[in-house]
PDB file of N, CA and C in Angstrom:
ATOM      1  N   MET A   1      56.587  77.949 108.998  1.00  0.00           N
ATOM      2  CA  MET A   1      56.112  79.295 109.125  1.00  0.00           C
ATOM      3  C   MET A   1      57.161  79.681 107.782  1.00  0.00           C
ATOM      4  N   ASP A   2      57.794  79.203 107.121  1.00  0.00           N
ATOM      5  CA  ASP A   2      58.812  79.563 106.245  1.00  0.00           C
ATOM      6  C   ASP A   2      57.665  79.566 104.816  1.00  0.00           C
ATOM      7  N   PHE A   3      56.931  78.670 105.199  1.00  0.00           N
ATOM      8  CA  PHE A   3      56.077  78.626 103.854  1.00  0.00           C
ATOM      9  C   PHE A   3      55.104  79.377 103.830  1.00  0.00           C
ATOM     10  N   VAL A   4      54.436  79.907 104.781  1.00  0.00           N
ATOM     11  CA  VAL A   4      53.897  81.265 105.224  1.00  0.00           C
ATOM     12  C   VAL A   4      54.017  82.224 104.324  1.00  0.00           C
ATOM     13  N   ASN A   5      55.739  82.372 104.842  1.00  0.00           N
ATOM     14  CA  ASN A   5      56.101  83.337 104.576  1.00  0.00           C
ATOM     15  C   ASN A   5      56.394  83.570 103.026  1.00  0.00           C
ATOM     16  N   HIS A   6      57.121  82.188 102.178  1.00  0.00           N
ATOM     17  CA  HIS A   6      57.542  82.216 101.104  1.00  0.00           C
ATOM     18  C   HIS A   6      56.053  82.504 100.325  1.00  0.00           C
ATOM     19  N   LEU A   7      54.767  82.320 100.860  1.00  0.00           N
ATOM     20  CA  LEU A   7      53.820  82.077 100.087  1.00  0.00           C
ATOM     21  C   LEU A   7      53.150  83.935 100.117  1.00  0.00           C
ATOM     22  N   PHE A   8      53.695  84.651 101.136  1.00  0.00           N
ATOM     23  CA  PHE A   8      53.022  85.845 101.188  1.00  0.00           C
ATOM     24  C   PHE A   8      54.049  86.786 100.733  1.00  0.00           C
ATOM     25  N   GLY A   9      55.419  86.369 100.150  1.00  0.00           N
ATOM     26  CA  GLY A   9      55.877  87.010  99.658  1.00  0.00           C
ATOM     27  C   GLY A   9      57.482  87.475 100.906  1.00  0.00           C
ATOM     28  N   GLY A  10      57.531  87.131 101.468  1.00  0.00           N
ATOM     29  CA  GLY A  10      58.214  87.338 102.485  1.00  0.00           C
ATOM     30  C   GLY A  10      59.200  86.464 101.834  1.00  0.00           C
ATOM     31  N   SER A  11      60.675  86.416 102.897  1.00  0.00           N
ATOM     32  CA  SER A  11      62.410  86.075 102.596  1.00  0.00           C
ATOM     33  C   SER A  11      62.246  84.739 103.544  1.00  0.00           C
ATOM     34  N   SER A  12      63.148  84.214 102.874  1.00  0.00           N
ATOM     35  CA  SER A  12      63.388  82.856 104.466  1.00  0.00           C
ATOM     36  C   SER A  12      64.823  83.106 104.379  1.00  0.00           C
ATOM     37  N   ASP A  13      65.096  82.402 106.007  1.00  0.00           N
ATOM     38  CA  ASP A  13      66.726  82.836 106.386  1.00  0.00           C
ATOM     39  C   ASP A  13      67.783  82.393 105.255  1.00  0.00           C
ATOM     40  N   GLN A  14      66.963  81.516 104.514  1.00  0.00           N
ATOM     41  CA  GLN A  14      68.680  80.706 103.438  1.00  0.00           C
ATOM     42  C   GLN A  14      68.286  81.827 102.345  1.00  0.00           C
ATOM     43  N   GLU A  15      67.511  82.608 101.883  1.00  0.00           N
ATOM     44  CA  GLU A  15      67.839  83.798 100.951  1.00  0.00           C
ATOM     45  C   GLU A  15      67.981  84.795 101.549  1.00  0.00           C
ATOM     46  N   ASN A  16      67.880  84.907 102.991  1.00  0.00           N
ATOM     47  CA  ASN A  16      68.514  86.088 103.472  1.00  0.00           C
ATOM     48  C   ASN A  16      70.400  85.915 103.538  1.00  0.00           C
ATOM     49  N   GLN A  17      70.454  84.701 103.894  1.00  0.00           N
ATOM     50  CA  GLN A  17      71.819  84.769 103.803  1.00  0.00           C
ATOM     51  C   GLN A  17      72.715  84.329 102.367  1.00  0.00           C
ATOM     52  N   TYR A  18      71.722  83.863 101.820  1.00  0.00           N
ATOM     53  CA  TYR A  18      72.467  83.594 100.095  1.00  0.00           C
ATOM     54  C   TYR A  18      72.898  85.119  99.472  1.00  0.00           C
ATOM     55  N   ASN A  19      71.281  86.256  99.665  1.00  0.00           N
ATOM     56  CA  ASN A  19      71.737  87.385  99.116  1.00  0.00           C
ATOM     57  C   ASN A  19      72.790  88.017  99.900  1.00  0.00           C
ATOM     58  N   GLU A  20      72.930  88.277 101.220  1.00  0.00           N
ATOM     59  CA  GLU A  20      74.173  88.800 102.127  1.00  0.00           C
ATOM     60  C   GLU A  20      75.530  88.331 101.743  1.00  0.00           C
ATOM     61  N   PHE A  21      75.310  86.649 101.399  1.00  0.00           N
ATOM     62  CA  PHE A  21      76.938  86.115 100.818  1.00  0.00           C
ATOM     63  C   PHE A  21      76.951  86.324  99.428  1.00  0.00           C
ATOM     64  N   ASN A  22      76.353  86.900  98.760  1.00  0.00           N
ATOM     65  CA  ASN A  22      76.541  87.111  97.077  1.00  0.00           C
ATOM     66  C   ASN A  22      76.568  88.614  96.873  1.00  0.00           C
ATOM     67  N   SER A  23      76.117  89.180  97.888  1.00  0.00           N
ATOM     68  CA  SER A  23      75.998  90.994  97.309  1.00  0.00           C
ATOM     69  C   SER A  23      77.342  91.062  97.648  1.00  0.00           C
ATOM     70  N   THR A  24      78.376  91.969  96.291  1.00  0.00           N
ATOM     71  CA  THR A  24      79.014  92.714  96.843  1.00  0.00           C
ATOM     72  C   THR A  24      78.949  94.093  96.697  1.00  0.00           C
ATOM     73  N   PRO A  25      79.181  94.735  98.129  1.00  0.00           N
ATOM     74  CA  PRO A  25      78.742  96.489  98.174  1.00  0.00           C
ATOM     75  C   PRO A  25      79.945  97.340  97.022  1.00  0.00           C
ATOM     76  N   LYS A  26      79.598  98.198  96.438  1.00  0.00           N
ATOM     77  CA  LYS A  26      80.049  99.078  95.864  1.00  0.00           C
ATOM     78  C   LYS A  26      81.025  99.933  96.321  1.00  0.00           C
ATOM     79  N   HIS A  27      82.393 100.045  96.510  1.00  0.00           N
ATOM     80  CA  HIS A  27      82.876 100.913  97.425  1.00  0.00           C
ATOM     81  C   HIS A  27      82.774 102.386  96.815  1.00  0.00           C
ATOM     82  N   SER A  28      83.371 102.892  97.383  1.00  0.00           N
ATOM     83  CA  SER A  28      83.353 104.649  96.911  1.00  0.00           C
ATOM     84  C   SER A  28      84.213 105.475  98.058  1.00  0.00           C
ATOM     85  N   ALA A  29      84.589 106.350  97.408  1.00  0.00           N
ATOM     86  CA  ALA A  29      86.003 107.300  98.528  1.00  0.00           C
ATOM     87  C   ALA A  29      85.088 107.741  99.469  1.00  0.00           C
ATOM     88  N   ASP A  30      85.848 108.054 100.476  1.00  0.00           N
ATOM     89  CA  ASP A  30      85.133 108.158 101.817  1.00  0.00           C
ATOM     90  C   ASP A  30      85.216 110.000 101.264  1.00  0.00           C
ATOM     91  N   MET A  31      84.718 110.631 101.867  1.00  0.00           N
ATOM     92  CA  MET A  31      84.429 112.160 101.914  1.00  0.00           C
ATOM     93  C   MET A  31      85.650 113.057 102.625  1.00  0.00           C
ATOM     94  N   SER A  32      85.939 111.895 103.687  1.00  0.00           N
ATOM     95  CA  SER A  32      86.924 112.668 104.716  1.00  0.00           C
ATOM     96  C   SER A  32      87.944 112.619 104.290  1.00  0.00           C
ATOM     97  N   HIS A  33      88.515 111.577 103.540  1.00  0.00           N
ATOM     98  CA  HIS A  33      90.063 111.262 102.512  1.00  0.00           C
ATOM     99  C   HIS A  33      89.906 112.171 101.553  1.00  0.00           C
ATOM    100  N   GLU A  34      88.868 112.735 100.843  1.00  0.00           N
ATOM    101  CA  GLU A  34      89.084 113.482 100.014  1.00  0.00           C
ATOM    102  C   GLU A  34      89.346 115.006 100.146  1.00  0.00           C
ATOM    103  N   LEU A  35      88.305 115.268 101.277  1.00  0.00           N
ATOM    104  CA  LEU A  35      88.908 116.591 102.018  1.00  0.00           C
ATOM    105  C   LEU A  35      90.082 116.440 102.407  1.00  0.00           C
ATOM    106  N   LEU A  36      90.363 115.922 103.424  1.00  0.00           N
ATOM    107  CA  LEU A  36      91.837 115.337 103.880  1.00  0.00           C
ATOM    108  C   LEU A  36      92.928 116.048 102.517  1.00  0.00           C
ATOM    109  N   ALA A  37      92.937 115.279 101.489  1.00  0.00           N
ATOM    110  CA  ALA A  37      93.770 115.402 100.434  1.00  0.00           C
ATOM    111  C   ALA A  37      93.541 116.599  99.597  1.00  0.00           C
ATOM    112  N   GLY A  38      92.502 117.206  99.902  1.00  0.00           N
ATOM    113  CA  GLY A  38      92.693 118.821  99.184  1.00  0.00           C
ATOM    114  C   GLY A  38      92.645 120.120  99.661  1.00  0.00           C
ATOM    115  N   ALA A  39      92.435 119.322 101.744  1.00  0.00           N
ATOM    116  CA  ALA A  39      93.149 120.632 102.443  1.00  0.00           C
ATOM    117  C   ALA A  39      94.770 120.336 102.197  1.00  0.00           C
ATOM    118  N   ALA A  40      95.208 119.333 102.594  1.00  0.00           N
ATOM    119  CA  ALA A  40      96.790 119.143 102.452  1.00  0.00           C
ATOM    120  C   ALA A  40      97.374 120.085 101.037  1.00  0.00           C
ATOM    121  N   SER A  41      96.541 120.007  99.912  1.00  0.00           N
ATOM    122  CA  SER A  41      96.840 120.734  98.524  1.00  0.00           C
ATOM    123  C   SER A  41      96.917 122.175  98.851  1.00  0.00           C
ATOM    124  N   PHE A  42      95.565 122.218  99.215  1.00  0.00           N
ATOM    125  CA  PHE A  42      95.591 124.198  99.641  1.00  0.00           C
ATOM    126  C   PHE A  42      96.536 124.453 100.708  1.00  0.00           C
ATOM    127  N   ALA A  43      96.860 124.151 101.750  1.00  0.00           N
ATOM    128  CA  ALA A  43      97.661 123.849 102.211  1.00  0.00           C
ATOM    129  C   ALA A  43      99.314 124.321 101.840  1.00  0.00           C
ATOM    130  N   ALA A  44      99.398 123.340 101.123  1.00  0.00           N
ATOM    131  CA  ALA A  44     100.641 123.701 100.389  1.00  0.00           C
ATOM    132  C   ALA A  44     100.757 124.920  99.424  1.00  0.00           C
ATOM    133  N   ALA A  45      99.881 124.926  98.480  1.00  0.00           N
ATOM    134  CA  ALA A  45      99.739 126.299  97.653  1.00  0.00           C
ATOM    135  C   ALA A  45      99.693 127.541  97.903  1.00  0.00           C
ATOM    136  N   LYS A  46      99.120 127.568  99.754  1.00  0.00           N
ATOM    137  CA  LYS A  46      98.894 128.728 100.113  1.00  0.00           C
ATOM    138  C   LYS A  46     100.187 129.018 100.721  1.00  0.00           C
ATOM    139  N   ALA A  47     100.974 128.198 101.297  1.00  0.00           N
ATOM    140  CA  ALA A  47     102.197 128.397 102.028  1.00  0.00           C
ATOM    141  C   ALA A  47     102.901 128.823 100.842  1.00  0.00           C
ATOM    142  N   TYR A  48     102.887 128.286 100.015  1.00  0.00           N
ATOM    143  CA  TYR A  48     104.128 128.697  98.732  1.00  0.00           C
ATOM    144  C   TYR A  48     103.622 130.008  97.839  1.00  0.00           C
ATOM    145  N   ALA A  49     102.273 130.302  98.194  1.00  0.00           N
ATOM    146  CA  ALA A  49     101.995 131.506  97.832  1.00  0.00           C
ATOM    147  C   ALA A  49     102.771 132.726  98.760  1.00  0.00           C
ATOM    148  N   ASP A  50     102.540 132.625 100.049  1.00  0.00           N
ATOM    149  CA  ASP A  50     102.867 132.779 101.134  1.00  0.00           C
ATOM    150  C   ASP A  50     104.313 133.269 101.207  1.00  0.00           C
ATOM    151  N   HIS A  51     105.353 132.430 100.970  1.00  0.00           N
ATOM    152  CA  HIS A  51     106.538 132.252 100.241  1.00  0.00           C
ATOM    153  C   HIS A  51     107.020 133.250  99.701  1.00  0.00           C
ATOM    154  N   CYS A  52     106.463 133.115  98.792  1.00  0.00           N
ATOM    155  CA  CYS A  52     106.848 134.006  97.099  1.00  0.00           C
ATOM    156  C   CYS A  52     106.057 135.488  97.443  1.00  0.00           C
ATOM    157  N   LYS A  53     105.093 135.897  97.976  1.00  0.00           N
ATOM    158  CA  LYS A  53     104.710 137.383  98.629  1.00  0.00           C
ATOM    159  C   LYS A  53     105.958 137.757  99.519  1.00  0.00           C
ATOM    160  N   LYS A  54     106.206 136.804 100.272  1.00  0.00           N
ATOM    161  CA  LYS A  54     106.994 137.042 101.245  1.00  0.00           C
ATOM    162  C   LYS A  54     108.719 137.391 100.707  1.00  0.00           C
ATOM    163  N   ASN A  55     109.206 136.832 100.306  1.00  0.00           N
ATOM    164  CA  ASN A  55     110.521 136.575  99.490  1.00  0.00           C
ATOM    165  C   ASN A  55     110.738 137.220  98.172  1.00  0.00           C
ATOM    166  N   GLY A  56     109.327 137.441  97.649  1.00  0.00           N
ATOM    167  CA  GLY A  56     109.735 137.963  95.943  1.00  0.00           C
ATOM    168  C   GLY A  56     110.075 137.342  94.934  1.00  0.00           C
ATOM    169  N   LYS A  57     110.283 135.730  95.250  1.00  0.00           N
ATOM    170  CA  LYS A  57     111.277 135.010  94.208  1.00  0.00           C
ATOM    171  C   LYS A  57     109.754 134.626  93.569  1.00  0.00           C
ATOM    172  N   PRO A  58     109.925 134.707  91.766  1.00  0.00           N
ATOM    173  CA  PRO A  58     108.746 134.026  91.167  1.00  0.00           C
ATOM    174  C   PRO A  58     108.969 132.377  91.423  1.00  0.00           C
ATOM    175  N   THR A  59     108.120 132.119  90.689  1.00  0.00           N
ATOM    176  CA  THR A  59     107.791 130.514  90.781  1.00  0.00           C
ATOM    177  C   THR A  59     108.935 129.734  90.062  1.00  0.00           C
ATOM    178  N   SER A  60     109.248 128.561  90.559  1.00  0.00           N
ATOM    179  CA  SER A  60     110.232 127.770  90.071  1.00  0.00           C
ATOM    180  C   SER A  60     109.201 126.432  88.938  1.00  0.00           C
ATOM    181  N   HIS A  61     109.945 126.064  88.518  1.00  0.00           N
ATOM    182  CA  HIS A  61     109.524 124.623  87.971  1.00  0.00           C
ATOM    183  C   HIS A  61     109.484 123.402  88.886  1.00  0.00           C
ATOM    184  N   ALA A  62     110.358 123.449  89.587  1.00  0.00           N
ATOM    185  CA  ALA A  62     110.333 122.373  90.657  1.00  0.00           C
ATOM    186  C   ALA A  62     109.613 122.340  91.896  1.00  0.00           C
ATOM    187  N   GLU A  63     109.246 123.970  92.072  1.00  0.00           N
ATOM    188  CA  GLU A  63     108.129 124.276  93.421  1.00  0.00           C
ATOM    189  C   GLU A  63     106.896 123.690  92.392  1.00  0.00           C
ATOM    190  N   ALA A  64     106.816 124.011  91.077  1.00  0.00           N
ATOM    191  CA  ALA A  64     105.789 123.753  90.281  1.00  0.00           C
ATOM    192  C   ALA A  64     105.193 122.682  90.880  1.00  0.00           C
ATOM    193  N   LYS A  65     106.051 121.791  90.574  1.00  0.00           N
ATOM    194  CA  LYS A  65     105.993 120.059  90.233  1.00  0.00           C
ATOM    195  C   LYS A  65     105.282 119.650  91.710  1.00  0.00           C
ATOM    196  N   GLU A  66     105.778 120.359  92.491  1.00  0.00           N
ATOM    197  CA  GLU A  66     105.593 120.008  94.156  1.00  0.00           C
ATOM    198  C   GLU A  66     103.677 120.264  94.345  1.00  0.00           C
ATOM    199  N   LEU A  67     103.389 121.481  94.121  1.00  0.00           N
ATOM    200  CA  LEU A  67     102.620 121.453  93.883  1.00  0.00           C
ATOM    201  C   LEU A  67     101.630 120.598  93.207  1.00  0.00           C
ATOM    202  N   LEU A  68     101.902 120.470  92.046  1.00  0.00           N
ATOM    203  CA  LEU A  68     100.706 119.344  91.310  1.00  0.00           C
ATOM    204  C   LEU A  68     100.758 118.198  91.557  1.00  0.00           C
ATOM    205  N   ALA A  69     101.773 118.086  92.740  1.00  0.00           N
ATOM    206  CA  ALA A  69     101.856 116.268  93.274  1.00  0.00           C
ATOM    207  C   ALA A  69     100.732 116.582  94.302  1.00  0.00           C
ATOM    208  N   GLY A  70     101.137 117.502  94.680  1.00  0.00           N
ATOM    209  CA  GLY A  70      99.573 117.938  96.273  1.00  0.00           C
ATOM    210  C   GLY A  70      98.754 117.574  95.401  1.00  0.00           C
ATOM    211  N   PHE A  71      98.082 118.196  94.262  1.00  0.00           N
ATOM    212  CA  PHE A  71      97.051 118.290  93.576  1.00  0.00           C
ATOM    213  C   PHE A  71      96.476 117.018  93.366  1.00  0.00           C
ATOM    214  N   ALA A  72      97.482 115.949  92.691  1.00  0.00           N
ATOM    215  CA  ALA A  72      97.452 114.811  92.020  1.00  0.00           C
ATOM    216  C   ALA A  72      96.592 113.724  93.135  1.00  0.00           C
ATOM    217  N   GLY A  73      97.046 114.309  94.641  1.00  0.00           N
ATOM    218  CA  GLY A  73      97.340 113.076  95.772  1.00  0.00           C
ATOM    219  C   GLY A  73      95.753 113.096  96.017  1.00  0.00           C
ATOM    220  N   ALA A  74      95.131 113.956  95.844  1.00  0.00           N
ATOM    221  CA  ALA A  74      93.562 114.123  95.869  1.00  0.00           C
ATOM    222  C   ALA A  74      93.092 112.964  94.908  1.00  0.00           C
ATOM    223  N   PHE A  75      93.031 113.288  94.216  1.00  0.00           N
ATOM    224  CA  PHE A  75      93.168 112.354  92.414  1.00  0.00           C
ATOM    225  C   PHE A  75      92.858 111.026  92.755  1.00  0.00           C
ATOM    226  N   LEU A  76      94.338 110.552  93.164  1.00  0.00           N
ATOM    227  CA  LEU A  76      94.599 109.520  93.323  1.00  0.00           C
ATOM    228  C   LEU A  76      93.981 108.879  94.589  1.00  0.00           C
ATOM    229  N   THR A  77      93.787 109.541  95.673  1.00  0.00           N
ATOM    230  CA  THR A  77      93.409 108.950  96.492  1.00  0.00           C
ATOM    231  C   THR A  77      91.817 108.493  96.358  1.00  0.00           C
ATOM    232  N   HIS A  78      90.991 109.380  95.452  1.00  0.00           N
ATOM    233  CA  HIS A  78      90.000 109.129  95.069  1.00  0.00           C
ATOM    234  C   HIS A  78      89.956 107.985  93.894  1.00  0.00           C
ATOM    235  N   GLU A  79      90.955 107.705  92.957  1.00  0.00           N
ATOM    236  CA  GLU A  79      90.672 106.543  92.378  1.00  0.00           C
ATOM    237  C   GLU A  79      91.017 105.439  93.109  1.00  0.00           C
ATOM    238  N   ALA A  80      91.861 105.301  93.873  1.00  0.00           N
ATOM    239  CA  ALA A  80      92.353 103.823  94.473  1.00  0.00           C
ATOM    240  C   ALA A  80      91.279 103.251  95.718  1.00  0.00           C
ATOM    241  N   GLU A  81      90.314 104.482  96.444  1.00  0.00           N
ATOM    242  CA  GLU A  81      89.180 104.275  97.261  1.00  0.00           C
ATOM    243  C   GLU A  81      88.128 103.537  96.039  1.00  0.00           C
ATOM    244  N   THR A  82      87.910 103.848  95.111  1.00  0.00           N
ATOM    245  CA  THR A  82      86.771 103.529  94.144  1.00  0.00           C
ATOM    246  C   THR A  82      87.150 102.127  93.652  1.00  0.00           C
ATOM    247  N   ARG A  83      87.920 102.671  92.657  1.00  0.00           N
ATOM    248  CA  ARG A  83      88.550 101.424  91.798  1.00  0.00           C
ATOM    249  C   ARG A  83      89.140 100.235  92.282  1.00  0.00           C
ATOM    250  N   GLY A  84      90.389 100.761  93.447  1.00  0.00           N
ATOM    251  CA  GLY A  84      91.004  99.885  93.921  1.00  0.00           C
ATOM    252  C   GLY A  84      90.187  98.615  94.570  1.00  0.00           C
ATOM    253  N   ARG A  85      89.225  99.144  95.579  1.00  0.00           N
ATOM    254  CA  ARG A  85      88.821  97.969  96.575  1.00  0.00           C
ATOM    255  C   ARG A  85      87.904  97.478  95.499  1.00  0.00           C
ATOM    256  N   ASP A  86      87.335  97.666  94.274  1.00  0.00           N
ATOM    257  CA  ASP A  86      86.673  96.625  93.566  1.00  0.00           C
ATOM    258  C   ASP A  86      87.602  95.170  92.788  1.00  0.00           C
ATOM    259  N   ALA A  87      88.723  95.480  92.589  1.00  0.00           N
ATOM    260  CA  ALA A  87      89.510  95.381  91.869  1.00  0.00           C
ATOM    261  C   ALA A  87      89.903  93.918  93.055  1.00  0.00           C
ATOM    262  N   ILE A  88      90.086  94.671  94.088  1.00  0.00           N
ATOM    263  CA  ILE A  88      90.907  93.558  95.262  1.00  0.00           C
ATOM    264  C   ILE A  88      89.774  92.446  95.560  1.00  0.00           C
ATOM    265  N   ASP A  89      88.476  92.906  95.372  1.00  0.00           N
ATOM    266  CA  ASP A  89      87.531  92.077  95.950  1.00  0.00           C
ATOM    267  C   ASP A  89      87.154  91.263  94.894  1.00  0.00           C
ATOM    268  N   ALA A  90      87.111  91.575  93.456  1.00  0.00           N
ATOM    269  CA  ALA A  90      86.590  90.495  92.149  1.00  0.00           C
ATOM    270  C   ALA A  90      88.006  89.318  92.723  1.00  0.00           C
ATOM    271  N   HIS A  91      89.054  89.939  92.986  1.00  0.00           N
ATOM    272  CA  HIS A  91      90.762  88.764  92.963  1.00  0.00           C
ATOM    273  C   HIS A  91      90.254  87.962  93.983  1.00  0.00           C
ATOM    274  N   LYS A  92      89.827  88.762  95.271  1.00  0.00           N
ATOM    275  CA  LYS A  92      89.539  88.020  96.461  1.00  0.00           C
ATOM    276  C   LYS A  92      88.566  86.779  96.015  1.00  0.00           C
ATOM    277  N   GLN A  93      87.443  86.933  95.380  1.00  0.00           N
ATOM    278  CA  GLN A  93      86.394  86.173  94.945  1.00  0.00           C
ATOM    279  C   GLN A  93      87.004  85.019  94.167  1.00  0.00           C
ATOM    280  N   LYS A  94      87.123  85.494  93.316  1.00  0.00           N
ATOM    281  CA  LYS A  94      87.962  84.082  92.242  1.00  0.00           C
ATOM    282  C   LYS A  94      88.656  83.292  92.623  1.00  0.00           C
ATOM    283  N   VAL A  95      89.537  83.618  93.644  1.00  0.00           N
ATOM    284  CA  VAL A  95      90.500  83.139  94.879  1.00  0.00           C
ATOM    285  C   VAL A  95      89.872  82.052  95.817  1.00  0.00           C
ATOM    286  N   ALA A  96      88.703  82.613  96.054  1.00  0.00           N
ATOM    287  CA  ALA A  96      87.897  81.683  97.073  1.00  0.00           C
ATOM    288  C   ALA A  96      87.173  80.233  96.164  1.00  0.00           C
ATOM    289  N   GLN A  97      86.385  81.127  94.887  1.00  0.00           N
ATOM    290  CA  GLN A  97      85.822  80.283  93.913  1.00  0.00           C
ATOM    291  C   GLN A  97      87.092  78.719  93.922  1.00  0.00           C
ATOM    292  N   GLU A  98      88.278  79.270  93.252  1.00  0.00           N
ATOM    293  CA  GLU A  98      89.104  78.375  93.096  1.00  0.00           C
ATOM    294  C   GLU A  98      89.569  77.265  93.841  1.00  0.00           C
ATOM    295  N   LYS A  99      89.519  78.120  95.242  1.00  0.00           N
ATOM    296  CA  LYS A  99      89.806  77.106  96.364  1.00  0.00           C
ATOM    297  C   LYS A  99      88.596  76.047  96.645  1.00  0.00           C
ATOM    298  N   ALA A 100      87.315  76.303  96.550  1.00  0.00           N
ATOM    299  CA  ALA A 100      86.473  75.709  96.903  1.00  0.00           C
ATOM    300  C   ALA A 100      86.129  74.754  95.659  1.00  0.00           C
ATOM    301  N   GLU A 101      86.775  75.011  94.575  1.00  0.00           N
ATOM    302  CA  GLU A 101      86.641  74.005  93.372  1.00  0.00           C
ATOM    303  C   GLU A 101      87.487  72.961  93.539  1.00  0.00           C
ATOM    304  N   LYS A 102      88.449  73.399  94.134  1.00  0.00           N
ATOM    305  CA  LYS A 102      89.730  72.306  94.714  1.00  0.00           C
ATOM    306  C   LYS A 102      89.310  71.904  95.465  1.00  0.00           C
ATOM    307  N   GLN A 103      89.019  72.049  96.377  1.00  0.00           N
ATOM    308  CA  GLN A 103      88.539  70.784  97.829  1.00  0.00           C
ATOM    309  C   GLN A 103      87.467  70.315  97.256  1.00  0.00           C
ATOM    310  N   LEU A 104      86.319  70.583  96.600  1.00  0.00           N
ATOM    311  CA  LEU A 104      85.696  69.636  96.025  1.00  0.00           C
ATOM    312  C   LEU A 104      86.012  68.872  95.292  1.00  0.00           C
ATOM    313  N   GLU A 105      86.604  69.125  94.496  1.00  0.00           N
ATOM    314  CA  GLU A 105      87.599  67.985  93.675  1.00  0.00           C
ATOM    315  C   GLU A 105      88.173  66.683  94.349  1.00  0.00           C
ATOM    316  N   GLU A 106      88.613  67.433  95.679  1.00  0.00           N
ATOM    317  CA  GLU A 106      89.545  66.468  96.319  1.00  0.00           C
ATOM    318  C   GLU A 106      88.667  65.629  97.156  1.00  0.00           C
ATOM    319  N   THR A 107      87.295  66.362  97.410  1.00  0.00           N
ATOM    320  CA  THR A 107      86.848  65.390  98.470  1.00  0.00           C
ATOM    321  C   THR A 107      85.829  64.495  98.061  1.00  0.00           C
ATOM    322  N   PHE A 108      85.190  65.024  96.884  1.00  0.00           N
ATOM    323  CA  PHE A 108      84.404  63.861  96.050  1.00  0.00           C
ATOM    324  C   PHE A 108      84.857  63.734  94.855  1.00  0.00           C
ATOM    325  N   VAL A 109      86.012  62.340  94.766  1.00  0.00           N
ATOM    326  CA  VAL A 109      86.177  61.753  93.296  1.00  0.00           C
ATOM    327  C   VAL A 109      85.539  60.843  92.676  1.00  0.00           C
ATOM    328  N   GLU A 110      85.924  60.959  91.556  1.00  0.00           N
ATOM    329  CA  GLU A 110      84.415  59.918  90.641  1.00  0.00           C
ATOM    330  C   GLU A 110      84.719  58.401  91.264  1.00  0.00           C
ATOM    331  N   GLU A 111      86.232  58.293  91.739  1.00  0.00           N
ATOM    332  CA  GLU A 111      86.124  56.777  92.056  1.00  0.00           C
ATOM    333  C   GLU A 111      85.470  56.231  93.805  1.00  0.00           C
ATOM    334  N   LYS A 112      85.699  57.188  94.405  1.00  0.00           N
ATOM    335  CA  LYS A 112      84.385  57.098  95.673  1.00  0.00           C
ATOM    336  C   LYS A 112      83.209  56.722  95.037  1.00  0.00           C
ATOM    337  N   PHE A 113      82.689  57.760  94.071  1.00  0.00           N
ATOM    338  CA  PHE A 113      81.177  57.187  94.231  1.00  0.00           C
ATOM    339  C   PHE A 113      81.198  55.740  93.098  1.00  0.00           C
ATOM    340  N   GLU A 114      81.784  55.018  92.644  1.00  0.00           N
ATOM    341  CA  GLU A 114      81.861  53.982  92.104  1.00  0.00           C
ATOM    342  C   GLU A 114      81.765  52.868  93.737  1.00  0.00           C
ATOM    343  N   THR A 115      82.268  53.253  94.494  1.00  0.00           N
ATOM    344  CA  THR A 115      82.314  52.316  95.617  1.00  0.00           C
ATOM    345  C   THR A 115      81.220  52.547  96.550  1.00  0.00           C
ATOM    346  N   TYR A 116      81.076  53.797  96.703  1.00  0.00           N
ATOM    347  CA  TYR A 116      79.733  53.717  97.770  1.00  0.00           C
ATOM    348  C   TYR A 116      78.491  53.676  97.273  1.00  0.00           C
ATOM    349  N   ASN A 117      77.809  52.924  97.973  1.00  0.00           N
ATOM    350  CA  ASN A 117      76.838  52.205  97.958  1.00  0.00           C
ATOM    351  C   ASN A 117      75.931  52.185  98.961  1.00  0.00           C
ATOM    352  N   PRO A 118      74.761  52.922  98.980  1.00  0.00           N
ATOM    353  CA  PRO A 118      73.722  53.422  99.797  1.00  0.00           C
ATOM    354  C   PRO A 118      73.112  52.489 100.361  1.00  0.00           C
TER     355      PRO A 118
END
């Protein structure tokens, strides 16, 4: 049946498993996380504006820095979720490949091939 599938353009189980294992999904930021970070930043800005209206105090440099930190939170969330995961996946793949190569070298030493006689 695999031959017929291959003949008519179908894919085999091996090919499907190969593609599933070797394809790495691209990560993207979750909209819910970005909305949450943006909402937190907005809430901080609104609370500060309300505080200024109520107390009549002008903005200070320290409070402005706190607001900017809130806005930066949304940006950092986006960057960490998109670029950070891809870098981690690439590192995991590199480590797995190195382990596989090391295990292969330990299992199949050239000396064993010389003594092996089928």
